Amino acid sequence: MLLPLAAFLALALLFAFRLGAGDPSRVPSALIGRVVPQTDLAPIAGLLRAGQPVPGLNVADFAGAVTVVNVWASWCVPCVEEMPLLLRLAQDKRIRVVGINQKDHPDNARRFLGRYGNPFAANGVDPDRRASIEWGVYGVPETFVVGRDARIVFKLIGPITPENLEKGLLPVIEKALAAPAT
C-alpha cells in the first residue's frame, strides 16, 4: 500500500527538481552549428535609419560577417527592456545587428524603433511566423549569434540582460570574431 505512494512521491520530487533546475534561456537548439535558414525577408515598409531605407533580411549577407539576429515585436514588453543593450551591441562595428520583426504592423514597428532606437542594419518582416519557425523561435524576444561561415553558434531565449550579455553573448561574439570563415 505504501509502495505506490512512495513511487508517486519520488516521481513528483524528480519532476519538481527538473522543472526548477536550469535556466530556461539555455534551452538547446537543434540549429546550433547549422547554416542559417534560407529565409529572405522583406523590409519593414518605410523604415529609415540615418535617412536611408533599412533593407530586409537577405541570407547571402550572413556570409563573411559575425551577425547578431534579434527576433522582436513592438508588442513585446521585454523587447523594450533589451533595446539599450542591442543599441550598445550595434556600436561594435565588427558585428552586424539585424532583426526579424514578428507578427507586427509596420506602423507599430516604425513607432517602436523611433521611440527606443534602431540598432538594426537590416530588419526583415515575419508576418506569419514562418521564418521564426524555421529559426526555431519559441517566442519573442530571442537572439542568435551567427558566425562568419553563416552557421548559428548561439541562441538566447528571452530578453538580453546585462548579465547574459556579459556572460553569454559577448564571449560567444568574441569567439566567433576570432574564428576564421570557412
C-alpha atoms as a PDB file:
ATOM      1  CA  MET A   1       0.000   0.000   0.000  1.00  0.00           C
ATOM      2  CA  LEU A   2       2.882   2.403   0.714  1.00  0.00           C
ATOM      3  CA  LEU A   3       4.850   1.403  -2.385  1.00  0.00           C
ATOM      4  CA  PRO A   4       2.610   3.272  -4.890  1.00  0.00           C
ATOM      5  CA  LEU A   5       2.645   6.345  -2.635  1.00  0.00           C
ATOM      6  CA  ALA A   6       6.451   6.223  -2.378  1.00  0.00           C
ATOM      7  CA  ALA A   7       6.780   5.825  -6.140  1.00  0.00           C
ATOM      8  CA  PHE A   8       4.456   8.766  -6.728  1.00  0.00           C
ATOM      9  CA  LEU A   9       6.372  10.971  -4.278  1.00  0.00           C
ATOM     10  CA  ALA A  10       9.695  10.004  -5.871  1.00  0.00           C
ATOM     11  CA  LEU A  11       8.388  10.914  -9.342  1.00  0.00           C
ATOM     12  CA  ALA A  12       6.876  14.164  -8.054  1.00  0.00           C
ATOM     13  CA  LEU A  13      10.213  15.150  -6.482  1.00  0.00           C
ATOM     14  CA  LEU A  14      12.088  14.259  -9.653  1.00  0.00           C
ATOM     15  CA  PHE A  15       9.718  16.369 -11.813  1.00  0.00           C
ATOM     16  CA  ALA A  16       9.853  19.287  -9.366  1.00  0.00           C
ATOM     17  CA  PHE A  17      13.655  19.168  -9.326  1.00  0.00           C
ATOM     18  CA  ARG A  18      13.953  19.005 -13.128  1.00  0.00           C
ATOM     19  CA  LEU A  19      11.432  21.815 -13.665  1.00  0.00           C
ATOM     20  CA  GLY A  20      13.142  24.060 -11.132  1.00  0.00           C
ATOM     21  CA  ALA A  21      16.662  23.292 -12.293  1.00  0.00           C
ATOM     22  CA  GLY A  22      18.339  25.127 -15.071  1.00  0.00           C
ATOM     23  CA  ASP A  23      17.964  28.358 -16.912  1.00  0.00           C
ATOM     24  CA  PRO A  24      15.054  28.461 -19.384  1.00  0.00           C
ATOM     25  CA  SER A  25      17.093  30.723 -21.674  1.00  0.00           C
ATOM     26  CA  ARG A  26      19.582  27.882 -22.143  1.00  0.00           C
ATOM     27  CA  VAL A  27      17.211  25.541 -23.991  1.00  0.00           C
ATOM     28  CA  PRO A  28      19.369  23.750 -26.554  1.00  0.00           C
ATOM     29  CA  SER A  29      18.705  24.449 -30.198  1.00  0.00           C
ATOM     30  CA  ALA A  30      18.920  21.856 -32.932  1.00  0.00           C
ATOM     31  CA  LEU A  31      20.147  24.637 -35.223  1.00  0.00           C
ATOM     32  CA  ILE A  32      23.436  25.259 -33.385  1.00  0.00           C
ATOM     33  CA  GLY A  33      26.213  24.512 -35.864  1.00  0.00           C
ATOM     34  CA  ARG A  34      23.889  24.594 -38.865  1.00  0.00           C
ATOM     35  CA  VAL A  35      23.723  27.139 -41.661  1.00  0.00           C
ATOM     36  CA  VAL A  36      21.095  29.845 -41.144  1.00  0.00           C
ATOM     37  CA  PRO A  37      17.666  29.002 -42.540  1.00  0.00           C
ATOM     38  CA  GLN A  38      17.170  30.067 -46.137  1.00  0.00           C
ATOM     39  CA  THR A  39      14.640  32.759 -45.329  1.00  0.00           C
ATOM     40  CA  ASP A  40      14.965  36.093 -47.119  1.00  0.00           C
ATOM     41  CA  LEU A  41      12.547  38.592 -45.585  1.00  0.00           C
ATOM     42  CA  ALA A  42      11.128  41.847 -46.925  1.00  0.00           C
ATOM     43  CA  PRO A  43      11.996  45.088 -45.124  1.00  0.00           C
ATOM     44  CA  ILE A  44       9.651  46.966 -42.803  1.00  0.00           C
ATOM     45  CA  ALA A  45       7.855  49.362 -45.149  1.00  0.00           C
ATOM     46  CA  GLY A  46       9.011  52.947 -44.673  1.00  0.00           C
ATOM     47  CA  LEU A  47      11.657  52.196 -42.025  1.00  0.00           C
ATOM     48  CA  LEU A  48      14.642  54.540 -42.258  1.00  0.00           C
ATOM     49  CA  ARG A  49      17.978  54.638 -40.451  1.00  0.00           C
ATOM     50  CA  ALA A  50      20.184  57.706 -40.855  1.00  0.00           C
ATOM     51  CA  GLY A  51      17.853  58.826 -43.643  1.00  0.00           C
ATOM     52  CA  GLN A  52      18.294  55.622 -45.654  1.00  0.00           C
ATOM     53  CA  PRO A  53      15.813  52.749 -46.083  1.00  0.00           C
ATOM     54  CA  VAL A  54      16.620  49.787 -43.840  1.00  0.00           C
ATOM     55  CA  PRO A  55      16.911  46.669 -46.013  1.00  0.00           C
ATOM     56  CA  GLY A  56      15.162  43.407 -45.326  1.00  0.00           C
ATOM     57  CA  LEU A  57      16.954  40.244 -44.297  1.00  0.00           C
ATOM     58  CA  ASN A  58      18.976  38.592 -47.046  1.00  0.00           C
ATOM     59  CA  VAL A  59      20.542  35.216 -46.299  1.00  0.00           C
ATOM     60  CA  ALA A  60      23.544  35.961 -48.526  1.00  0.00           C
ATOM     61  CA  ASP A  61      24.526  38.826 -46.195  1.00  0.00           C
ATOM     62  CA  PHE A  62      25.400  36.410 -43.389  1.00  0.00           C
ATOM     63  CA  ALA A  63      28.491  35.061 -45.167  1.00  0.00           C
ATOM     64  CA  GLY A  64      31.678  36.777 -44.048  1.00  0.00           C
ATOM     65  CA  ALA A  65      30.226  38.700 -41.097  1.00  0.00           C
ATOM     66  CA  VAL A  66      29.546  37.880 -37.459  1.00  0.00           C
ATOM     67  CA  THR A  67      25.880  38.715 -37.052  1.00  0.00           C
ATOM     68  CA  VAL A  68      23.566  39.088 -34.072  1.00  0.00           C
ATOM     69  CA  VAL A  69      19.975  38.292 -35.064  1.00  0.00           C
ATOM     70  CA  ASN A  70      17.262  39.565 -32.727  1.00  0.00           C
ATOM     71  CA  VAL A  71      13.642  38.413 -33.077  1.00  0.00           C
ATOM     72  CA  TRP A  72      11.395  41.169 -31.726  1.00  0.00           C
ATOM     73  CA  ALA A  73       7.989  42.852 -31.902  1.00  0.00           C
ATOM     74  CA  SER A  74       6.549  46.214 -30.890  1.00  0.00           C
ATOM     75  CA  TRP A  75       4.010  44.485 -28.632  1.00  0.00           C
ATOM     76  CA  CYS A  76       6.780  42.664 -26.717  1.00  0.00           C
ATOM     77  CA  VAL A  77       7.451  44.251 -23.300  1.00  0.00           C
ATOM     78  CA  PRO A  78      10.849  42.529 -22.756  1.00  0.00           C
ATOM     79  CA  CYS A  79      11.906  43.827 -26.196  1.00  0.00           C
ATOM     80  CA  VAL A  80      11.738  47.359 -24.771  1.00  0.00           C
ATOM     81  CA  GLU A  81      13.994  46.359 -21.879  1.00  0.00           C
ATOM     82  CA  GLU A  82      16.666  44.829 -24.114  1.00  0.00           C
ATOM     83  CA  MET A  83      16.768  47.629 -26.690  1.00  0.00           C
ATOM     84  CA  PRO A  84      19.519  49.684 -24.937  1.00  0.00           C
ATOM     85  CA  LEU A  85      21.734  46.578 -24.929  1.00  0.00           C
ATOM     86  CA  LEU A  86      21.086  45.940 -28.623  1.00  0.00           C
ATOM     87  CA  LEU A  87      21.969  49.583 -29.327  1.00  0.00           C
ATOM     88  CA  ARG A  88      25.215  49.025 -27.397  1.00  0.00           C
ATOM     89  CA  LEU A  89      25.980  45.909 -29.460  1.00  0.00           C
ATOM     90  CA  ALA A  90      25.258  47.810 -32.681  1.00  0.00           C
ATOM     91  CA  GLN A  91      28.045  50.284 -31.830  1.00  0.00           C
ATOM     92  CA  ASP A  92      30.593  47.494 -32.306  1.00  0.00           C
ATOM     93  CA  LYS A  93      31.494  47.874 -35.989  1.00  0.00           C
ATOM     94  CA  ARG A  94      32.985  44.359 -36.090  1.00  0.00           C
ATOM     95  CA  ILE A  95      29.493  42.806 -35.995  1.00  0.00           C
ATOM     96  CA  ARG A  96      26.159  43.265 -37.737  1.00  0.00           C
ATOM     97  CA  VAL A  97      22.978  43.506 -35.688  1.00  0.00           C
ATOM     98  CA  VAL A  98      19.877  42.543 -37.656  1.00  0.00           C
ATOM     99  CA  GLY A  99      16.264  41.980 -36.708  1.00  0.00           C
ATOM    100  CA  ILE A 100      13.326  39.771 -37.515  1.00  0.00           C
ATOM    101  CA  ASN A 101      10.118  41.660 -36.753  1.00  0.00           C
ATOM    102  CA  GLN A 102       7.494  39.085 -35.839  1.00  0.00           C
ATOM    103  CA  LYS A 103       3.713  39.417 -36.365  1.00  0.00           C
ATOM    104  CA  ASP A 104       3.718  43.201 -36.254  1.00  0.00           C
ATOM    105  CA  HIS A 105       2.097  46.075 -38.100  1.00  0.00           C
ATOM    106  CA  PRO A 106       4.651  48.240 -39.969  1.00  0.00           C
ATOM    107  CA  ASP A 107       3.388  51.450 -38.326  1.00  0.00           C
ATOM    108  CA  ASN A 108       3.811  49.936 -34.860  1.00  0.00           C
ATOM    109  CA  ALA A 109       7.282  48.603 -35.684  1.00  0.00           C
ATOM    110  CA  ARG A 110       8.420  52.006 -37.006  1.00  0.00           C
ATOM    111  CA  ARG A 111       6.998  53.808 -33.950  1.00  0.00           C
ATOM    112  CA  PHE A 112       8.708  51.330 -31.615  1.00  0.00           C
ATOM    113  CA  LEU A 113      12.116  51.793 -33.253  1.00  0.00           C
ATOM    114  CA  GLY A 114      11.586  55.562 -33.424  1.00  0.00           C
ATOM    115  CA  ARG A 115      10.903  55.671 -29.704  1.00  0.00           C
ATOM    116  CA  TYR A 116      13.517  53.214 -28.390  1.00  0.00           C
ATOM    117  CA  GLY A 117      16.188  53.413 -31.108  1.00  0.00           C
ATOM    118  CA  ASN A 118      17.012  51.299 -34.128  1.00  0.00           C
ATOM    119  CA  PRO A 119      20.075  49.070 -33.719  1.00  0.00           C
ATOM    120  CA  PHE A 120      19.306  47.039 -36.852  1.00  0.00           C
ATOM    121  CA  ALA A 121      21.413  47.278 -40.022  1.00  0.00           C
ATOM    122  CA  ALA A 122      18.749  45.113 -41.681  1.00  0.00           C
ATOM    123  CA  ASN A 123      15.297  44.117 -40.493  1.00  0.00           C
ATOM    124  CA  GLY A 124      13.047  41.514 -42.069  1.00  0.00           C
ATOM    125  CA  VAL A 125       9.304  41.226 -41.607  1.00  0.00           C
ATOM    126  CA  ASP A 126       7.896  37.867 -40.497  1.00  0.00           C
ATOM    127  CA  PRO A 127       4.116  38.444 -40.539  1.00  0.00           C
ATOM    128  CA  ASP A 128       3.061  34.799 -40.280  1.00  0.00           C
ATOM    129  CA  ARG A 129       5.951  33.458 -38.123  1.00  0.00           C
ATOM    130  CA  ARG A 130       7.105  31.047 -40.861  1.00  0.00           C
ATOM    131  CA  ALA A 131      10.672  32.346 -40.790  1.00  0.00           C
ATOM    132  CA  SER A 132      10.656  32.318 -36.992  1.00  0.00           C
ATOM    133  CA  ILE A 133       9.593  28.684 -37.023  1.00  0.00           C
ATOM    134  CA  GLU A 134      12.456  27.854 -39.392  1.00  0.00           C
ATOM    135  CA  TRP A 135      14.833  29.631 -36.996  1.00  0.00           C
ATOM    136  CA  GLY A 136      13.434  27.553 -34.110  1.00  0.00           C
ATOM    137  CA  VAL A 137      11.986  30.560 -32.287  1.00  0.00           C
ATOM    138  CA  TYR A 138       9.754  29.831 -29.289  1.00  0.00           C
ATOM    139  CA  GLY A 139       8.659  33.441 -28.774  1.00  0.00           C
ATOM    140  CA  VAL A 140       9.921  36.997 -28.702  1.00  0.00           C
ATOM    141  CA  PRO A 141      12.490  38.111 -27.872  1.00  0.00           C
ATOM    142  CA  GLU A 142      15.134  35.631 -28.929  1.00  0.00           C
ATOM    143  CA  THR A 143      18.662  36.340 -30.083  1.00  0.00           C
ATOM    144  CA  PHE A 144      21.086  34.344 -32.211  1.00  0.00           C
ATOM    145  CA  VAL A 145      24.771  34.739 -32.963  1.00  0.00           C
ATOM    146  CA  VAL A 146      25.794  33.699 -36.471  1.00  0.00           C
ATOM    147  CA  GLY A 147      29.457  33.141 -37.367  1.00  0.00           C
ATOM    148  CA  ARG A 148      31.241  34.308 -40.499  1.00  0.00           C
ATOM    149  CA  ASP A 149      30.521  30.925 -42.056  1.00  0.00           C
ATOM    150  CA  ALA A 150      26.771  31.673 -41.793  1.00  0.00           C
ATOM    151  CA  ARG A 151      26.333  28.986 -39.120  1.00  0.00           C
ATOM    152  CA  ILE A 152      24.343  29.584 -35.941  1.00  0.00           C
ATOM    153  CA  VAL A 153      26.698  29.417 -32.960  1.00  0.00           C
ATOM    154  CA  PHE A 154      24.455  30.590 -30.098  1.00  0.00           C
ATOM    155  CA  LYS A 155      20.815  31.071 -29.171  1.00  0.00           C
ATOM    156  CA  LEU A 156      19.400  33.079 -26.277  1.00  0.00           C
ATOM    157  CA  ILE A 157      15.749  32.628 -25.377  1.00  0.00           C
ATOM    158  CA  GLY A 158      14.254  35.656 -23.685  1.00  0.00           C
ATOM    159  CA  PRO A 159      15.499  39.203 -23.381  1.00  0.00           C
ATOM    160  CA  ILE A 160      19.122  40.264 -23.378  1.00  0.00           C
ATOM    161  CA  THR A 161      20.037  41.387 -19.867  1.00  0.00           C
ATOM    162  CA  PRO A 162      23.256  42.976 -18.622  1.00  0.00           C
ATOM    163  CA  GLU A 163      24.192  39.639 -17.026  1.00  0.00           C
ATOM    164  CA  ASN A 164      23.582  37.364 -20.020  1.00  0.00           C
ATOM    165  CA  LEU A 165      25.153  39.957 -22.322  1.00  0.00           C
ATOM    166  CA  GLU A 166      28.423  39.897 -20.353  1.00  0.00           C
ATOM    167  CA  LYS A 167      28.469  36.183 -19.534  1.00  0.00           C
ATOM    168  CA  GLY A 168      26.806  34.723 -22.619  1.00  0.00           C
ATOM    169  CA  LEU A 169      26.561  36.858 -25.732  1.00  0.00           C
ATOM    170  CA  LEU A 170      29.812  38.857 -25.629  1.00  0.00           C
ATOM    171  CA  PRO A 171      32.094  35.836 -25.066  1.00  0.00           C
ATOM    172  CA  VAL A 172      30.369  33.971 -27.924  1.00  0.00           C
ATOM    173  CA  ILE A 173      30.652  37.016 -30.193  1.00  0.00           C
ATOM    174  CA  GLU A 174      34.377  37.372 -29.396  1.00  0.00           C
ATOM    175  CA  LYS A 175      34.911  33.677 -30.103  1.00  0.00           C
ATOM    176  CA  ALA A 176      33.044  33.978 -33.415  1.00  0.00           C
ATOM    177  CA  LEU A 177      35.118  37.028 -34.351  1.00  0.00           C
ATOM    178  CA  ALA A 178      38.323  35.102 -33.658  1.00  0.00           C
ATOM    179  CA  ALA A 179      37.252  32.114 -35.770  1.00  0.00           C
ATOM    180  CA  PRO A 180      38.163  32.160 -39.458  1.00  0.00           C
ATOM    181  CA  ALA A 181      35.381  31.981 -42.027  1.00  0.00           C
ATOM    182  CA  THR A 182      35.178  28.563 -43.671  1.00  0.00           C
END
